[in-house]
Each structure stands twice: as structure tokens, then as C-alpha cells.
Amino acid sequence: SGVPREAATALLEELRDAAGAPRVRFAEFAAAVEACLATAEAMEAVERMYDACDAAGRGELPRDDLLAALGQQLERQGPGTWPEPRPYDLSAPPTETLRLKLAARGLGPQQAVSAADLFLAF
């Protein structure tokens, strides 16, 4: 599925601003590659979290249903114990924080939330 376009665009803009010069040094290039890989790994970790909450495999869950399932997963498994493999250690923010961030993105209680939406709320 890959990194959401909005996240990729923001990352590229940040890297472009950080480089600033017309020529890119190797250290800047390496940092950009590492940032892209870390972003992709974080997206994969969020997708695993999402899949653990989406038992039916629909790919979209109503916001409040997703947050309730996420809260249950956190209670049952504890923070940082999501399905393996977990090459990128990603801790979930509190569900209320996610609720506020998803609401700020225009996603109401019964609106469908995808893994990409959840990633952008992290």
C-alpha cells in the first residue's frame, strides 16, 4: 500500500528545505534515504496495528470502532507489543489523541478510517 501521498509530500518538502542548496551532499542524500525508509517502516507498523483491529479485513473501519479496537488491543497486549515482525518500534499515542487528530482531519465517529488515515494521525 505504501506511504500516504500527503506524508510522502511533506517528507520530500522537508528534505528539500533542509538541503536548500542546488547540489546535494552524500550525507544529505543518505539522511533522505534513511528518512524515507523509516517512514515506510512506520507505515508498515501502523498497517499491522490496523490489521490487528480489522478482524474482518474490510480495510476501513468507522473511526470510533477502530479506536475502541485499538484500545482493546493496547489493554490486552500492552504498549509496544504489536504483531510481529516489528522492525520499526512504534508506540501508539493515546486513543483520545488519535480521536482528536482524526476529527481534525474531518473524520467523524462513524466515518470510515483507513490505515493511511491512522498513519497520518500518528
PDB file of N, CA and C in Angstrom:
ATOM      1  N   SER A   1       0.814  -1.200   0.000  1.00  0.00           N
ATOM      2  CA  SER A   1       0.000   0.000   0.000  1.00  0.00           C
ATOM      3  C   SER A   1       0.852   1.257   0.000  1.00  0.00           C
ATOM      4  N   GLY A   2       1.966   1.268   0.690  1.00  0.00           N
ATOM      5  CA  GLY A   2       2.879   2.402   0.648  1.00  0.00           C
ATOM      6  C   GLY A   2       2.488   3.544   1.554  1.00  0.00           C
ATOM      7  N   VAL A   3       3.368   4.523   1.601  1.00  0.00           N
ATOM      8  CA  VAL A   3       3.181   5.706   2.428  1.00  0.00           C
ATOM      9  C   VAL A   3       2.124   6.600   1.789  1.00  0.00           C
ATOM     10  N   PRO A   4       1.195   7.144   2.586  1.00  0.00           N
ATOM     11  CA  PRO A   4       0.192   8.053   2.012  1.00  0.00           C
ATOM     12  C   PRO A   4       0.850   9.236   1.307  1.00  0.00           C
ATOM     13  N   ARG A   5       0.254   9.646   0.208  1.00  0.00           N
ATOM     14  CA  ARG A   5       0.809  10.741  -0.596  1.00  0.00           C
ATOM     15  C   ARG A   5       1.065  11.992   0.242  1.00  0.00           C
ATOM     16  N   GLU A   6       0.143  12.316   1.135  1.00  0.00           N
ATOM     17  CA  GLU A   6       0.297  13.508   1.971  1.00  0.00           C
ATOM     18  C   GLU A   6       1.559  13.425   2.830  1.00  0.00           C
ATOM     19  N   ALA A   7       1.842  12.257   3.391  1.00  0.00           N
ATOM     20  CA  ALA A   7       3.039  12.080   4.214  1.00  0.00           C
ATOM     21  C   ALA A   7       4.294  12.129   3.353  1.00  0.00           C
ATOM     22  N   ALA A   8       4.263  11.495   2.187  1.00  0.00           N
ATOM     23  CA  ALA A   8       5.419  11.495   1.296  1.00  0.00           C
ATOM     24  C   ALA A   8       5.730  12.906   0.808  1.00  0.00           C
ATOM     25  N   THR A   9       4.704  13.657   0.458  1.00  0.00           N
ATOM     26  CA  THR A   9       4.900  15.030   0.000  1.00  0.00           C
ATOM     27  C   THR A   9       5.506  15.890   1.106  1.00  0.00           C
ATOM     28  N   ALA A  10       4.982  15.757   2.314  1.00  0.00           N
ATOM     29  CA  ALA A  10       5.518  16.536   3.437  1.00  0.00           C
ATOM     30  C   ALA A  10       6.976  16.179   3.709  1.00  0.00           C
ATOM     31  N   LEU A  11       7.302  14.891   3.638  1.00  0.00           N
ATOM     32  CA  LEU A  11       8.668  14.451   3.859  1.00  0.00           C
ATOM     33  C   LEU A  11       9.595  15.017   2.790  1.00  0.00           C
ATOM     34  N   LEU A  12       9.193  14.945   1.528  1.00  0.00           N
ATOM     35  CA  LEU A  12      10.016  15.473   0.444  1.00  0.00           C
ATOM     36  C   LEU A  12      10.205  16.982   0.556  1.00  0.00           C
ATOM     37  N   GLU A  13       9.157  17.700   0.941  1.00  0.00           N
ATOM     38  CA  GLU A  13       9.281  19.150   1.122  1.00  0.00           C
ATOM     39  C   GLU A  13      10.250  19.477   2.250  1.00  0.00           C
ATOM     40  N   GLU A  14      10.160  18.712   3.330  1.00  0.00           N
ATOM     41  CA  GLU A  14      11.065  18.931   4.456  1.00  0.00           C
ATOM     42  C   GLU A  14      12.511  18.668   4.055  1.00  0.00           C
ATOM     43  N   LEU A  15      12.733  17.601   3.308  1.00  0.00           N
ATOM     44  CA  LEU A  15      14.080  17.278   2.852  1.00  0.00           C
ATOM     45  C   LEU A  15      14.594  18.335   1.880  1.00  0.00           C
ATOM     46  N   ARG A  16      13.720  18.800   0.996  1.00  0.00           N
ATOM     47  CA  ARG A  16      14.106  19.824   0.033  1.00  0.00           C
ATOM     48  C   ARG A  16      14.495  21.106   0.762  1.00  0.00           C
ATOM     49  N   ASP A  17      13.709  21.487   1.771  1.00  0.00           N
ATOM     50  CA  ASP A  17      14.007  22.690   2.549  1.00  0.00           C
ATOM     51  C   ASP A  17      15.306  22.533   3.330  1.00  0.00           C
ATOM     52  N   ALA A  18      15.544  21.335   3.869  1.00  0.00           N
ATOM     53  CA  ALA A  18      16.755  21.092   4.656  1.00  0.00           C
ATOM     54  C   ALA A  18      17.992  21.145   3.774  1.00  0.00           C
ATOM     55  N   ALA A  19      17.886  20.651   2.554  1.00  0.00           N
ATOM     56  CA  ALA A  19      19.034  20.654   1.654  1.00  0.00           C
ATOM     57  C   ALA A  19      19.353  22.081   1.213  1.00  0.00           C
ATOM     58  N   GLY A  20      18.352  22.807   0.747  1.00  0.00           N
ATOM     59  CA  GLY A  20      18.498  24.213   0.404  1.00  0.00           C
ATOM     60  C   GLY A  20      19.437  24.518  -0.743  1.00  0.00           C
ATOM     61  N   ALA A  21      20.497  23.800  -0.885  1.00  0.00           N
ATOM     62  CA  ALA A  21      21.499  24.081  -1.909  1.00  0.00           C
ATOM     63  C   ALA A  21      21.133  23.367  -3.211  1.00  0.00           C
ATOM     64  N   PRO A  22      21.617  23.891  -4.349  1.00  0.00           N
ATOM     65  CA  PRO A  22      21.308  23.247  -5.625  1.00  0.00           C
ATOM     66  C   PRO A  22      21.944  21.855  -5.739  1.00  0.00           C
ATOM     67  N   ARG A  23      23.041  21.630  -5.015  1.00  0.00           N
ATOM     68  CA  ARG A  23      23.699  20.320  -5.036  1.00  0.00           C
ATOM     69  C   ARG A  23      23.463  19.633  -3.702  1.00  0.00           C
ATOM     70  N   VAL A  24      23.264  18.356  -3.757  1.00  0.00           N
ATOM     71  CA  VAL A  24      23.017  17.578  -2.544  1.00  0.00           C
ATOM     72  C   VAL A  24      24.285  16.800  -2.193  1.00  0.00           C
ATOM     73  N   ARG A  25      24.727  16.977  -0.964  1.00  0.00           N
ATOM     74  CA  ARG A  25      25.885  16.215  -0.499  1.00  0.00           C
ATOM     75  C   ARG A  25      25.452  14.800  -0.143  1.00  0.00           C
ATOM     76  N   PHE A  26      26.439  13.890  -0.102  1.00  0.00           N
ATOM     77  CA  PHE A  26      26.126  12.494   0.175  1.00  0.00           C
ATOM     78  C   PHE A  26      25.447  12.342   1.529  1.00  0.00           C
ATOM     79  N   ALA A  27      25.898  13.062   2.535  1.00  0.00           N
ATOM     80  CA  ALA A  27      25.305  12.951   3.872  1.00  0.00           C
ATOM     81  C   ALA A  27      23.823  13.338   3.838  1.00  0.00           C
ATOM     82  N   GLU A  28      23.475  14.366   3.074  1.00  0.00           N
ATOM     83  CA  GLU A  28      22.074  14.769   2.943  1.00  0.00           C
ATOM     84  C   GLU A  28      21.278  13.701   2.200  1.00  0.00           C
ATOM     85  N   PHE A  29      21.880  13.135   1.153  1.00  0.00           N
ATOM     86  CA  PHE A  29      21.223  12.073   0.404  1.00  0.00           C
ATOM     87  C   PHE A  29      20.979  10.864   1.305  1.00  0.00           C
ATOM     88  N   ALA A  30      21.984  10.468   2.073  1.00  0.00           N
ATOM     89  CA  ALA A  30      21.850   9.319   2.978  1.00  0.00           C
ATOM     90  C   ALA A  30      20.773   9.574   4.019  1.00  0.00           C
ATOM     91  N   ALA A  31      20.740  10.800   4.560  1.00  0.00           N
ATOM     92  CA  ALA A  31      19.708  11.144   5.549  1.00  0.00           C
ATOM     93  C   ALA A  31      18.317  11.070   4.917  1.00  0.00           C
ATOM     94  N   ALA A  32      18.201  11.504   3.663  1.00  0.00           N
ATOM     95  CA  ALA A  32      16.910  11.463   2.973  1.00  0.00           C
ATOM     96  C   ALA A  32      16.462  10.016   2.754  1.00  0.00           C
ATOM     97  N   VAL A  33      17.379   9.156   2.358  1.00  0.00           N
ATOM     98  CA  VAL A  33      17.048   7.744   2.152  1.00  0.00           C
ATOM     99  C   VAL A  33      16.620   7.117   3.478  1.00  0.00           C
ATOM    100  N   GLU A  34      17.366   7.391   4.550  1.00  0.00           N
ATOM    101  CA  GLU A  34      17.013   6.853   5.867  1.00  0.00           C
ATOM    102  C   GLU A  34      15.636   7.338   6.312  1.00  0.00           C
ATOM    103  N   ALA A  35      15.327   8.613   6.060  1.00  0.00           N
ATOM    104  CA  ALA A  35      14.020   9.156   6.439  1.00  0.00           C
ATOM    105  C   ALA A  35      12.902   8.468   5.655  1.00  0.00           C
ATOM    106  N   CYS A  36      13.138   8.234   4.377  1.00  0.00           N
ATOM    107  CA  CYS A  36      12.130   7.542   3.562  1.00  0.00           C
ATOM    108  C   CYS A  36      11.921   6.113   4.042  1.00  0.00           C
ATOM    109  N   LEU A  37      13.000   5.417   4.340  1.00  0.00           N
ATOM    110  CA  LEU A  37      12.887   4.039   4.823  1.00  0.00           C
ATOM    111  C   LEU A  37      12.181   3.991   6.179  1.00  0.00           C
ATOM    112  N   ALA A  38      12.512   4.923   7.067  1.00  0.00           N
ATOM    113  CA  ALA A  38      11.867   4.961   8.381  1.00  0.00           C
ATOM    114  C   ALA A  38      10.375   5.246   8.240  1.00  0.00           C
ATOM    115  N   THR A  39      10.020   6.125   7.317  1.00  0.00           N
ATOM    116  CA  THR A  39       8.612   6.439   7.090  1.00  0.00           C
ATOM    117  C   THR A  39       7.875   5.213   6.564  1.00  0.00           C
ATOM    118  N   ALA A  40       8.485   4.496   5.639  1.00  0.00           N
ATOM    119  CA  ALA A  40       7.861   3.283   5.096  1.00  0.00           C
ATOM    120  C   ALA A  40       7.717   2.215   6.183  1.00  0.00           C
ATOM    121  N   GLU A  41       8.724   2.057   7.036  1.00  0.00           N
ATOM    122  CA  GLU A  41       8.642   1.088   8.124  1.00  0.00           C
ATOM    123  C   GLU A  41       7.558   1.476   9.123  1.00  0.00           C
ATOM    124  N   ALA A  42       7.443   2.779   9.399  1.00  0.00           N
ATOM    125  CA  ALA A  42       6.395   3.240  10.317  1.00  0.00           C
ATOM    126  C   ALA A  42       5.018   2.955   9.732  1.00  0.00           C
ATOM    127  N   MET A  43       4.862   3.155   8.421  1.00  0.00           N
ATOM    128  CA  MET A  43       3.578   2.869   7.778  1.00  0.00           C
ATOM    129  C   MET A  43       3.258   1.390   7.882  1.00  0.00           C
ATOM    130  N   GLU A  44       4.249   0.546   7.685  1.00  0.00           N
ATOM    131  CA  GLU A  44       4.023  -0.903   7.801  1.00  0.00           C
ATOM    132  C   GLU A  44       3.601  -1.267   9.226  1.00  0.00           C
ATOM    133  N   ALA A  45       4.216  -0.630  10.215  1.00  0.00           N
ATOM    134  CA  ALA A  45       3.858  -0.899  11.611  1.00  0.00           C
ATOM    135  C   ALA A  45       2.419  -0.472  11.888  1.00  0.00           C
ATOM    136  N   VAL A  46       2.021   0.682  11.362  1.00  0.00           N
ATOM    137  CA  VAL A  46       0.646   1.148  11.548  1.00  0.00           C
ATOM    138  C   VAL A  46      -0.317   0.211  10.828  1.00  0.00           C
ATOM    139  N   GLU A  47       0.055  -0.267   9.643  1.00  0.00           N
ATOM    140  CA  GLU A  47      -0.804  -1.211   8.927  1.00  0.00           C
ATOM    141  C   GLU A  47      -1.003  -2.490   9.739  1.00  0.00           C
ATOM    142  N   ARG A  48       0.052  -2.965  10.406  1.00  0.00           N
ATOM    143  CA  ARG A  48      -0.095  -4.156  11.248  1.00  0.00           C
ATOM    144  C   ARG A  48      -1.023  -3.863  12.428  1.00  0.00           C
ATOM    145  N   MET A  49      -0.887  -2.677  13.027  1.00  0.00           N
ATOM    146  CA  MET A  49      -1.792  -2.289  14.117  1.00  0.00           C
ATOM    147  C   MET A  49      -3.229  -2.267  13.615  1.00  0.00           C
ATOM    148  N   TYR A  50      -3.408  -1.655  12.451  1.00  0.00           N
ATOM    149  CA  TYR A  50      -4.736  -1.535  11.866  1.00  0.00           C
ATOM    150  C   TYR A  50      -5.320  -2.912  11.575  1.00  0.00           C
ATOM    151  N   ASP A  51      -4.513  -3.771  10.966  1.00  0.00           N
ATOM    152  CA  ASP A  51      -4.983  -5.121  10.625  1.00  0.00           C
ATOM    153  C   ASP A  51      -5.377  -5.905  11.878  1.00  0.00           C
ATOM    154  N   ALA A  52      -4.661  -5.686  12.979  1.00  0.00           N
ATOM    155  CA  ALA A  52      -4.998  -6.367  14.235  1.00  0.00           C
ATOM    156  C   ALA A  52      -6.366  -5.919  14.746  1.00  0.00           C
ATOM    157  N   CYS A  53      -6.778  -4.712  14.390  1.00  0.00           N
ATOM    158  CA  CYS A  53      -8.074  -4.179  14.815  1.00  0.00           C
ATOM    159  C   CYS A  53      -9.184  -4.496  13.816  1.00  0.00           C
ATOM    160  N   ASP A  54      -8.817  -4.777  12.577  1.00  0.00           N
ATOM    161  CA  ASP A  54      -9.777  -5.014  11.494  1.00  0.00           C
ATOM    162  C   ASP A  54      -9.912  -6.509  11.255  1.00  0.00           C
ATOM    163  N   ALA A  55     -10.556  -7.194  12.199  1.00  0.00           N
ATOM    164  CA  ALA A  55     -10.669  -8.651  12.154  1.00  0.00           C
ATOM    165  C   ALA A  55     -11.335  -9.145  10.867  1.00  0.00           C
ATOM    166  N   ALA A  56     -12.275  -8.371  10.332  1.00  0.00           N
ATOM    167  CA  ALA A  56     -12.988  -8.785   9.120  1.00  0.00           C
ATOM    168  C   ALA A  56     -12.190  -8.493   7.850  1.00  0.00           C
ATOM    169  N   GLY A  57     -11.101  -7.734   7.977  1.00  0.00           N
ATOM    170  CA  GLY A  57     -10.271  -7.433   6.820  1.00  0.00           C
ATOM    171  C   GLY A  57     -10.915  -6.505   5.813  1.00  0.00           C
ATOM    172  N   ARG A  58     -11.786  -5.617   6.272  1.00  0.00           N
ATOM    173  CA  ARG A  58     -12.505  -4.709   5.362  1.00  0.00           C
ATOM    174  C   ARG A  58     -11.627  -3.599   4.810  1.00  0.00           C
ATOM    175  N   GLY A  59     -10.590  -3.217   5.551  1.00  0.00           N
ATOM    176  CA  GLY A  59      -9.718  -2.142   5.084  1.00  0.00           C
ATOM    177  C   GLY A  59     -10.192  -0.763   5.482  1.00  0.00           C
ATOM    178  N   GLU A  60     -11.386  -0.668   6.012  1.00  0.00           N
ATOM    179  CA  GLU A  60     -11.918   0.593   6.528  1.00  0.00           C
ATOM    180  C   GLU A  60     -12.822   0.278   7.704  1.00  0.00           C
ATOM    181  N   LEU A  61     -12.657   1.040   8.759  1.00  0.00           N
ATOM    182  CA  LEU A  61     -13.491   0.883   9.952  1.00  0.00           C
ATOM    183  C   LEU A  61     -14.013   2.242  10.369  1.00  0.00           C
ATOM    184  N   PRO A  62     -15.231   2.303  10.926  1.00  0.00           N
ATOM    185  CA  PRO A  62     -15.687   3.570  11.484  1.00  0.00           C
ATOM    186  C   PRO A  62     -14.697   4.038  12.551  1.00  0.00           C
ATOM    187  N   ARG A  63     -14.441   5.338  12.583  1.00  0.00           N
ATOM    188  CA  ARG A  63     -13.431   5.905  13.472  1.00  0.00           C
ATOM    189  C   ARG A  63     -13.532   5.384  14.897  1.00  0.00           C
ATOM    190  N   ASP A  64     -14.717   5.483  15.505  1.00  0.00           N
ATOM    191  CA  ASP A  64     -14.839   5.094  16.906  1.00  0.00           C
ATOM    192  C   ASP A  64     -14.710   3.590  17.104  1.00  0.00           C
ATOM    193  N   ASP A  65     -15.123   2.783  16.118  1.00  0.00           N
ATOM    194  CA  ASP A  65     -14.925   1.335  16.191  1.00  0.00           C
ATOM    195  C   ASP A  65     -13.430   1.003  16.162  1.00  0.00           C
ATOM    196  N   LEU A  66     -12.697   1.669  15.278  1.00  0.00           N
ATOM    197  CA  LEU A  66     -11.255   1.461  15.187  1.00  0.00           C
ATOM    198  C   LEU A  66     -10.576   1.830  16.499  1.00  0.00           C
ATOM    199  N   LEU A  67     -10.940   2.979  17.053  1.00  0.00           N
ATOM    200  CA  LEU A  67     -10.296   3.425  18.286  1.00  0.00           C
ATOM    201  C   LEU A  67     -10.640   2.510  19.461  1.00  0.00           C
ATOM    202  N   ALA A  68     -11.865   1.993  19.485  1.00  0.00           N
ATOM    203  CA  ALA A  68     -12.242   1.046  20.542  1.00  0.00           C
ATOM    204  C   ALA A  68     -11.421  -0.241  20.406  1.00  0.00           C
ATOM    205  N   ALA A  69     -11.285  -0.744  19.182  1.00  0.00           N
ATOM    206  CA  ALA A  69     -10.495  -1.960  18.956  1.00  0.00           C
ATOM    207  C   ALA A  69      -9.024  -1.724  19.278  1.00  0.00           C
ATOM    208  N   LEU A  70      -8.522  -0.550  18.920  1.00  0.00           N
ATOM    209  CA  LEU A  70      -7.136  -0.211  19.223  1.00  0.00           C
ATOM    210  C   LEU A  70      -6.921  -0.159  20.733  1.00  0.00           C
ATOM    211  N   GLY A  71      -7.871   0.440  21.447  1.00  0.00           N
ATOM    212  CA  GLY A  71      -7.787   0.492  22.905  1.00  0.00           C
ATOM    213  C   GLY A  71      -7.803  -0.900  23.523  1.00  0.00           C
ATOM    214  N   GLN A  72      -8.636  -1.789  22.978  1.00  0.00           N
ATOM    215  CA  GLN A  72      -8.688  -3.166  23.472  1.00  0.00           C
ATOM    216  C   GLN A  72      -7.376  -3.895  23.208  1.00  0.00           C
ATOM    217  N   GLN A  73      -6.815  -3.672  22.023  1.00  0.00           N
ATOM    218  CA  GLN A  73      -5.522  -4.286  21.704  1.00  0.00           C
ATOM    219  C   GLN A  73      -4.449  -3.811  22.680  1.00  0.00           C
ATOM    220  N   LEU A  74      -4.437  -2.519  22.975  1.00  0.00           N
ATOM    221  CA  LEU A  74      -3.444  -1.970  23.906  1.00  0.00           C
ATOM    222  C   LEU A  74      -3.621  -2.555  25.302  1.00  0.00           C
ATOM    223  N   GLU A  75      -4.868  -2.689  25.741  1.00  0.00           N
ATOM    224  CA  GLU A  75      -5.121  -3.274  27.061  1.00  0.00           C
ATOM    225  C   GLU A  75      -4.688  -4.730  27.109  1.00  0.00           C
ATOM    226  N   ARG A  76      -5.010  -5.466  26.060  1.00  0.00           N
ATOM    227  CA  ARG A  76      -4.730  -6.898  26.019  1.00  0.00           C
ATOM    228  C   ARG A  76      -3.234  -7.171  25.861  1.00  0.00           C
ATOM    229  N   GLN A  77      -2.589  -6.425  24.982  1.00  0.00           N
ATOM    230  CA  GLN A  77      -1.200  -6.722  24.643  1.00  0.00           C
ATOM    231  C   GLN A  77      -0.201  -5.782  25.307  1.00  0.00           C
ATOM    232  N   GLY A  78      -0.661  -4.622  25.741  1.00  0.00           N
ATOM    233  CA  GLY A  78       0.266  -3.642  26.299  1.00  0.00           C
ATOM    234  C   GLY A  78       0.930  -2.856  25.192  1.00  0.00           C
ATOM    235  N   PRO A  79       1.413  -1.666  25.526  1.00  0.00           N
ATOM    236  CA  PRO A  79       2.042  -0.824  24.511  1.00  0.00           C
ATOM    237  C   PRO A  79       3.304  -1.475  23.949  1.00  0.00           C
ATOM    238  N   GLY A  80       3.507  -1.308  22.669  1.00  0.00           N
ATOM    239  CA  GLY A  80       4.718  -1.794  22.029  1.00  0.00           C
ATOM    240  C   GLY A  80       4.762  -3.296  21.794  1.00  0.00           C
ATOM    241  N   THR A  81       3.629  -3.991  21.907  1.00  0.00           N
ATOM    242  CA  THR A  81       3.641  -5.445  21.715  1.00  0.00           C
ATOM    243  C   THR A  81       2.718  -5.838  20.566  1.00  0.00           C
ATOM    244  N   TRP A  82       2.892  -5.197  19.446  1.00  0.00           N
ATOM    245  CA  TRP A  82       2.037  -5.459  18.290  1.00  0.00           C
ATOM    246  C   TRP A  82       2.526  -6.658  17.523  1.00  0.00           C
ATOM    247  N   PRO A  83       1.694  -7.134  16.606  1.00  0.00           N
ATOM    248  CA  PRO A  83       2.044  -8.343  15.854  1.00  0.00           C
ATOM    249  C   PRO A  83       3.423  -8.254  15.208  1.00  0.00           C
ATOM    250  N   GLU A  84       4.121  -9.347  15.219  1.00  0.00           N
ATOM    251  CA  GLU A  84       5.452  -9.435  14.614  1.00  0.00           C
ATOM    252  C   GLU A  84       5.309  -9.640  13.112  1.00  0.00           C
ATOM    253  N   PRO A  85       6.295  -9.382  12.288  1.00  0.00           N
ATOM    254  CA  PRO A  85       7.557  -8.779  12.678  1.00  0.00           C
ATOM    255  C   PRO A  85       7.386  -7.298  12.946  1.00  0.00           C
ATOM    256  N   ARG A  86       8.253  -6.779  13.764  1.00  0.00           N
ATOM    257  CA  ARG A  86       8.153  -5.370  14.135  1.00  0.00           C
ATOM    258  C   ARG A  86       9.532  -4.723  14.021  1.00  0.00           C
ATOM    259  N   PRO A  87      10.008  -4.497  12.790  1.00  0.00           N
ATOM    260  CA  PRO A  87      11.338  -3.911  12.643  1.00  0.00           C
ATOM    261  C   PRO A  87      11.379  -2.454  13.104  1.00  0.00           C
ATOM    262  N   TYR A  88      10.240  -1.804  13.081  1.00  0.00           N
ATOM    263  CA  TYR A  88      10.170  -0.401  13.478  1.00  0.00           C
ATOM    264  C   TYR A  88       9.337  -0.337  14.750  1.00  0.00           C
ATOM    265  N   ASP A  89       9.926   0.088  15.840  1.00  0.00           N
ATOM    266  CA  ASP A  89       9.223   0.127  17.119  1.00  0.00           C
ATOM    267  C   ASP A  89       8.359   1.384  17.158  1.00  0.00           C
ATOM    268  N   LEU A  90       7.074   1.191  17.083  1.00  0.00           N
ATOM    269  CA  LEU A  90       6.148   2.308  17.020  1.00  0.00           C
ATOM    270  C   LEU A  90       5.156   2.194  18.165  1.00  0.00           C
ATOM    271  N   SER A  91       5.148   3.179  19.022  1.00  0.00           N
ATOM    272  CA  SER A  91       4.197   3.188  20.127  1.00  0.00           C
ATOM    273  C   SER A  91       2.973   3.983  19.715  1.00  0.00           C
ATOM    274  N   ALA A  92       1.816   3.443  20.023  1.00  0.00           N
ATOM    275  CA  ALA A  92       0.566   4.119  19.673  1.00  0.00           C
ATOM    276  C   ALA A  92       0.311   5.251  20.656  1.00  0.00           C
ATOM    277  N   PRO A  93      -0.070   6.430  20.143  1.00  0.00           N
ATOM    278  CA  PRO A  93      -0.472   7.502  21.042  1.00  0.00           C
ATOM    279  C   PRO A  93      -1.784   7.121  21.736  1.00  0.00           C
ATOM    280  N   PRO A  94      -2.146   7.814  22.803  1.00  0.00           N
ATOM    281  CA  PRO A  94      -3.433   7.531  23.451  1.00  0.00           C
ATOM    282  C   PRO A  94      -4.583   7.638  22.443  1.00  0.00           C
ATOM    283  N   THR A  95      -5.595   6.789  22.627  1.00  0.00           N
ATOM    284  CA  THR A  95      -6.703   6.786  21.674  1.00  0.00           C
ATOM    285  C   THR A  95      -7.417   8.134  21.623  1.00  0.00           C
ATOM    286  N   GLU A  96      -7.457   8.855  22.732  1.00  0.00           N
ATOM    287  CA  GLU A  96      -8.113  10.177  22.701  1.00  0.00           C
ATOM    288  C   GLU A  96      -7.329  11.143  21.816  1.00  0.00           C
ATOM    289  N   THR A  97      -6.017  11.051  21.833  1.00  0.00           N
ATOM    290  CA  THR A  97      -5.185  11.877  20.946  1.00  0.00           C
ATOM    291  C   THR A  97      -5.473  11.525  19.496  1.00  0.00           C
ATOM    292  N   LEU A  98      -5.564  10.234  19.206  1.00  0.00           N
ATOM    293  CA  LEU A  98      -5.885   9.811  17.844  1.00  0.00           C
ATOM    294  C   LEU A  98      -7.273  10.282  17.437  1.00  0.00           C
ATOM    295  N   ARG A  99      -8.239  10.199  18.360  1.00  0.00           N
ATOM    296  CA  ARG A  99      -9.600  10.662  18.077  1.00  0.00           C
ATOM    297  C   ARG A  99      -9.585  12.140  17.674  1.00  0.00           C
ATOM    298  N   LEU A 100      -8.861  12.946  18.431  1.00  0.00           N
ATOM    299  CA  LEU A 100      -8.790  14.389  18.143  1.00  0.00           C
ATOM    300  C   LEU A 100      -8.104  14.652  16.796  1.00  0.00           C
ATOM    301  N   LYS A 101      -7.023  13.923  16.528  1.00  0.00           N
ATOM    302  CA  LYS A 101      -6.308  14.134  15.268  1.00  0.00           C
ATOM    303  C   LYS A 101      -7.144  13.683  14.071  1.00  0.00           C
ATOM    304  N   LEU A 102      -7.851  12.566  14.211  1.00  0.00           N
ATOM    305  CA  LEU A 102      -8.715  12.107  13.123  1.00  0.00           C
ATOM    306  C   LEU A 102      -9.887  13.070  12.924  1.00  0.00           C
ATOM    307  N   ALA A 103     -10.436  13.580  14.025  1.00  0.00           N
ATOM    308  CA  ALA A 103     -11.530  14.561  13.921  1.00  0.00           C
ATOM    309  C   ALA A 103     -11.038  15.820  13.219  1.00  0.00           C
ATOM    310  N   ALA A 104      -9.815  16.237  13.520  1.00  0.00           N
ATOM    311  CA  ALA A 104      -9.249  17.421  12.869  1.00  0.00           C
ATOM    312  C   ALA A 104      -9.075  17.198  11.370  1.00  0.00           C
ATOM    313  N   ARG A 105      -8.963  15.945  10.961  1.00  0.00           N
ATOM    314  CA  ARG A 105      -8.864  15.609   9.544  1.00  0.00           C
ATOM    315  C   ARG A 105     -10.247  15.420   8.926  1.00  0.00           C
ATOM    316  N   GLY A 106     -11.296  15.719   9.708  1.00  0.00           N
ATOM    317  CA  GLY A 106     -12.657  15.656   9.193  1.00  0.00           C
ATOM    318  C   GLY A 106     -13.300  14.286   9.295  1.00  0.00           C
ATOM    319  N   LEU A 107     -12.733  13.398  10.099  1.00  0.00           N
ATOM    320  CA  LEU A 107     -13.277  12.046  10.228  1.00  0.00           C
ATOM    321  C   LEU A 107     -14.106  11.947  11.502  1.00  0.00           C
ATOM    322  N   GLY A 108     -15.422  11.849  11.325  1.00  0.00           N
ATOM    323  CA  GLY A 108     -16.361  11.776  12.432  1.00  0.00           C
ATOM    324  C   GLY A 108     -16.467  10.370  12.994  1.00  0.00           C
ATOM    325  N   PRO A 109     -17.279  10.206  14.049  1.00  0.00           N
ATOM    326  CA  PRO A 109     -17.386   8.929  14.764  1.00  0.00           C
ATOM    327  C   PRO A 109     -17.708   7.729  13.886  1.00  0.00           C
ATOM    328  N   GLN A 110     -18.555   7.886  12.883  1.00  0.00           N
ATOM    329  CA  GLN A 110     -18.954   6.752  12.046  1.00  0.00           C
ATOM    330  C   GLN A 110     -18.326   6.775  10.657  1.00  0.00           C
ATOM    331  N   GLN A 111     -17.424   7.734  10.413  1.00  0.00           N
ATOM    332  CA  GLN A 111     -16.788   7.796   9.101  1.00  0.00           C
ATOM    333  C   GLN A 111     -15.674   6.759   8.997  1.00  0.00           C
ATOM    334  N   ALA A 112     -15.528   6.193   7.810  1.00  0.00           N
ATOM    335  CA  ALA A 112     -14.538   5.151   7.571  1.00  0.00           C
ATOM    336  C   ALA A 112     -13.122   5.708   7.674  1.00  0.00           C
ATOM    337  N   VAL A 113     -12.294   4.989   8.405  1.00  0.00           N
ATOM    338  CA  VAL A 113     -10.887   5.337   8.583  1.00  0.00           C
ATOM    339  C   VAL A 113     -10.057   4.199   8.019  1.00  0.00           C
ATOM    340  N   SER A 114      -9.076   4.541   7.210  1.00  0.00           N
ATOM    341  CA  SER A 114      -8.179   3.550   6.621  1.00  0.00           C
ATOM    342  C   SER A 114      -6.879   3.523   7.422  1.00  0.00           C
ATOM    343  N   ALA A 115      -6.023   2.572   7.093  1.00  0.00           N
ATOM    344  CA  ALA A 115      -4.700   2.515   7.721  1.00  0.00           C
ATOM    345  C   ALA A 115      -3.909   3.788   7.417  1.00  0.00           C
ATOM    346  N   ALA A 116      -4.071   4.319   6.215  1.00  0.00           N
ATOM    347  CA  ALA A 116      -3.371   5.556   5.848  1.00  0.00           C
ATOM    348  C   ALA A 116      -3.850   6.719   6.717  1.00  0.00           C
ATOM    349  N   ASP A 117      -5.163   6.801   6.970  1.00  0.00           N
ATOM    350  CA  ASP A 117      -5.685   7.842   7.850  1.00  0.00           C
ATOM    351  C   ASP A 117      -5.088   7.714   9.247  1.00  0.00           C
ATOM    352  N   LEU A 118      -5.019   6.482   9.743  1.00  0.00           N
ATOM    353  CA  LEU A 118      -4.459   6.244  11.067  1.00  0.00           C
ATOM    354  C   LEU A 118      -2.997   6.657  11.100  1.00  0.00           C
ATOM    355  N   PHE A 119      -2.238   6.315  10.057  1.00  0.00           N
ATOM    356  CA  PHE A 119      -0.828   6.696   9.976  1.00  0.00           C
ATOM    357  C   PHE A 119      -0.667   8.207  10.056  1.00  0.00           C
ATOM    358  N   LEU A 120      -1.499   8.930   9.313  1.00  0.00           N
ATOM    359  CA  LEU A 120      -1.391  10.392   9.306  1.00  0.00           C
ATOM    360  C   LEU A 120      -1.774  10.988  10.660  1.00  0.00           C
ATOM    361  N   ALA A 121      -2.572  10.265  11.449  1.00  0.00           N
ATOM    362  CA  ALA A 121      -2.936  10.742  12.787  1.00  0.00           C
ATOM    363  C   ALA A 121      -1.823  10.498  13.805  1.00  0.00           C
ATOM    364  N   PHE A 122      -0.902   9.586  13.477  1.00  0.00           N
ATOM    365  CA  PHE A 122       0.213   9.337  14.376  1.00  0.00           C
ATOM    366  C   PHE A 122       1.131  10.528  14.374  1.00  0.00           C
TER     367      PHE A 122
END
